[in-house]
Protein backbone atom coordinates (compact mmCIF):
# COMPACT_ATOMS: atom_id res chain seq x y z
CA MET A 1 28.60 31.58 36.15
CA SER A 2 28.42 32.37 39.87
CA ASP A 3 25.83 29.63 40.37
CA LEU A 4 28.22 27.01 38.99
CA HIS A 5 30.49 25.22 41.46
CA ILE A 6 33.48 23.23 40.19
CA ARG A 7 35.09 20.64 42.45
CA PHE A 8 37.18 17.49 42.34
CA ALA A 9 35.34 14.17 42.29
CA GLY A 10 35.72 11.81 45.21
CA LEU A 11 35.17 8.07 45.46
CA ALA A 12 31.62 8.68 46.69
CA ASP A 13 30.82 10.36 43.33
CA ILE A 14 31.64 7.39 41.10
CA ASP A 15 28.15 5.96 40.61
CA THR A 16 26.71 9.43 39.97
CA VAL A 17 29.44 10.17 37.42
CA LEU A 18 28.94 6.86 35.59
CA GLN A 19 25.18 7.46 35.38
CA PHE A 20 25.84 11.03 34.22
CA TRP A 21 28.12 9.83 31.42
CA ARG A 22 25.45 7.40 30.24
CA GLU A 23 23.07 10.35 29.90
CA ALA A 24 25.36 13.17 28.80
CA ALA A 25 28.53 11.81 27.19
CA GLU A 26 29.00 10.60 23.65
CA GLY A 27 30.54 7.18 23.18
CA THR A 28 31.88 4.81 25.79
CA SER A 29 35.29 3.87 27.06
CA ILE A 30 36.78 0.62 28.28
CA SER A 31 37.37 2.45 31.58
CA ASP A 32 33.72 3.50 32.08
CA ASP A 33 33.16 1.34 35.11
CA HIS A 34 33.43 1.68 38.88
CA ASP A 35 36.95 0.23 39.07
CA GLY A 36 38.24 2.41 36.23
CA VAL A 37 36.98 5.65 37.74
CA ALA A 38 38.12 4.59 41.22
CA ARG A 39 41.66 4.02 39.88
CA LEU A 40 41.64 7.47 38.31
CA ILE A 41 40.50 9.21 41.49
CA THR A 42 42.86 7.19 43.70
CA ARG A 43 45.87 7.83 41.47
CA ASP A 44 45.11 11.51 40.87
CA PRO A 45 42.45 12.93 43.21
CA GLU A 46 42.32 16.23 41.29
CA ALA A 47 41.95 14.83 37.77
CA LEU A 48 38.17 14.42 37.55
CA LEU A 49 36.47 17.80 37.71
CA LEU A 50 32.75 18.10 38.33
CA ALA A 51 30.60 21.14 37.60
CA GLU A 52 27.48 21.39 39.75
CA ARG A 53 24.59 23.80 39.62
CA ASP A 54 22.27 23.81 42.65
CA GLY A 55 23.81 20.52 43.78
CA ILE A 56 23.02 18.83 40.44
CA LEU A 57 25.84 17.46 38.29
CA ALA A 58 25.93 19.58 35.14
CA GLY A 59 29.27 18.61 33.59
CA THR A 60 32.55 16.73 33.85
CA VAL A 61 36.04 16.75 32.45
CA ILE A 62 39.06 14.59 33.19
CA ALA A 63 42.16 16.76 33.34
CA GLY A 64 45.02 14.28 33.41
CA PHE A 65 48.68 15.21 33.63
CA ASP A 66 51.43 12.61 33.54
CA GLY A 67 54.33 15.03 33.97
CA TRP A 68 54.77 15.23 30.20
CA ARG A 69 51.39 15.84 28.62
CA CYS A 70 48.15 17.47 29.66
CA SER A 71 45.21 15.40 28.46
CA ALA A 72 41.54 16.27 28.53
CA TYR A 73 38.95 13.51 28.37
CA ARG A 74 35.26 13.07 29.08
CA LEU A 75 34.19 16.67 28.65
CA ALA A 76 30.46 16.17 28.99
CA VAL A 77 27.64 18.55 29.78
CA HIS A 78 24.13 17.40 30.56
CA PRO A 79 21.69 18.37 27.78
CA ASP A 80 19.68 20.52 30.23
CA HIS A 81 22.78 22.61 30.98
CA ARG A 82 24.31 23.03 27.52
CA ARG A 83 25.04 26.43 26.02
CA ARG A 84 25.24 27.98 29.48
CA GLY A 85 29.02 28.14 29.94
CA VAL A 86 29.54 24.83 31.74
CA ALA A 87 32.05 23.40 29.24
CA THR A 88 33.96 26.69 29.14
CA ALA A 89 34.16 26.82 32.94
CA LEU A 90 35.31 23.20 33.14
CA LEU A 91 38.01 23.73 30.52
CA GLU A 92 39.20 26.89 32.26
CA ALA A 93 39.49 24.94 35.53
CA ALA A 94 41.36 22.14 33.76
CA GLU A 95 43.72 24.61 32.11
CA GLN A 96 44.40 26.31 35.45
CA ARG A 97 45.28 22.92 36.90
CA PHE A 98 47.58 22.13 33.99
CA THR A 99 49.33 25.50 34.21
CA ALA A 100 49.89 25.08 37.96
CA LEU A 101 51.45 21.66 37.27
CA GLY A 102 53.79 23.08 34.61
CA GLY A 103 51.89 21.83 31.57
CA ARG A 104 52.53 23.43 28.20
CA ARG A 105 49.84 22.09 25.86
CA VAL A 106 46.56 20.25 26.19
CA ASP A 107 45.66 17.24 24.07
CA ALA A 108 41.94 16.53 23.93
CA MET A 109 40.19 13.31 22.98
CA VAL A 110 37.19 14.27 20.84
CA LEU A 111 35.01 11.81 18.95
CA GLU A 112 35.22 12.32 15.21
CA ALA A 113 31.46 12.04 14.72
CA ASN A 114 30.54 14.45 17.53
CA GLU A 115 30.12 17.68 15.55
CA GLN A 116 28.62 19.52 18.53
CA ALA A 117 31.77 18.79 20.52
CA HIS A 118 33.96 20.09 17.69
CA HIS A 119 32.21 23.46 17.94
CA THR A 120 32.63 23.53 21.73
CA TRP A 121 36.34 22.77 21.58
CA ALA A 122 36.92 25.29 18.77
CA ALA A 123 35.02 28.01 20.65
CA THR A 124 37.34 27.53 23.63
CA GLY A 125 40.51 27.95 21.56
CA TYR A 126 41.37 24.36 20.61
CA HIS A 127 42.13 23.25 17.07
CA ARG A 128 42.28 19.94 15.33
CA GLN A 129 45.57 18.35 14.30
CA ASP A 130 44.78 16.29 11.23
CA HIS A 131 48.29 14.87 10.86
CA TRP A 132 47.91 12.80 14.08
CA GLN A 133 45.77 9.72 14.55
CA ARG A 134 45.05 7.79 17.67
CA TRP A 135 46.31 4.21 17.86
CA VAL A 136 44.96 1.96 20.58
CA LYS A 137 45.39 -1.54 21.94
CA PRO A 138 43.05 -2.81 24.64
CA LEU A 139 44.89 -4.55 27.45
CA THR A 140 41.74 -6.32 28.67
CA GLU A 141 38.66 -7.71 27.01
């Protein structure tokens, strides 16, 4: 994976990341807009990891840590770069970040219907916890 470069996203990357998610990510989030991503980067400048190959965005993951839980969101790899180790490299970088911050376990948000993602997460050592369900309440419309 020597041709893959992983770095933190900056404010200048927001539009590229949003376009990338429209092409490469499954599902959408209430926070998938310029302001939402800007808040993330401003609050935690090391949370949004980008994987680039030859200067082209190949993958993303949000590695959020609130001091209590490590949470992984928006693991996405562009279709042209899948099955080439991008997701594994991103998750390794996220896990290194979590370990350095004192994290003990990673919770990952994975869409139920995204079977391909299930295989990716399982291949990197994650397992499903069927006894938990996500409960949500939007705070904005």
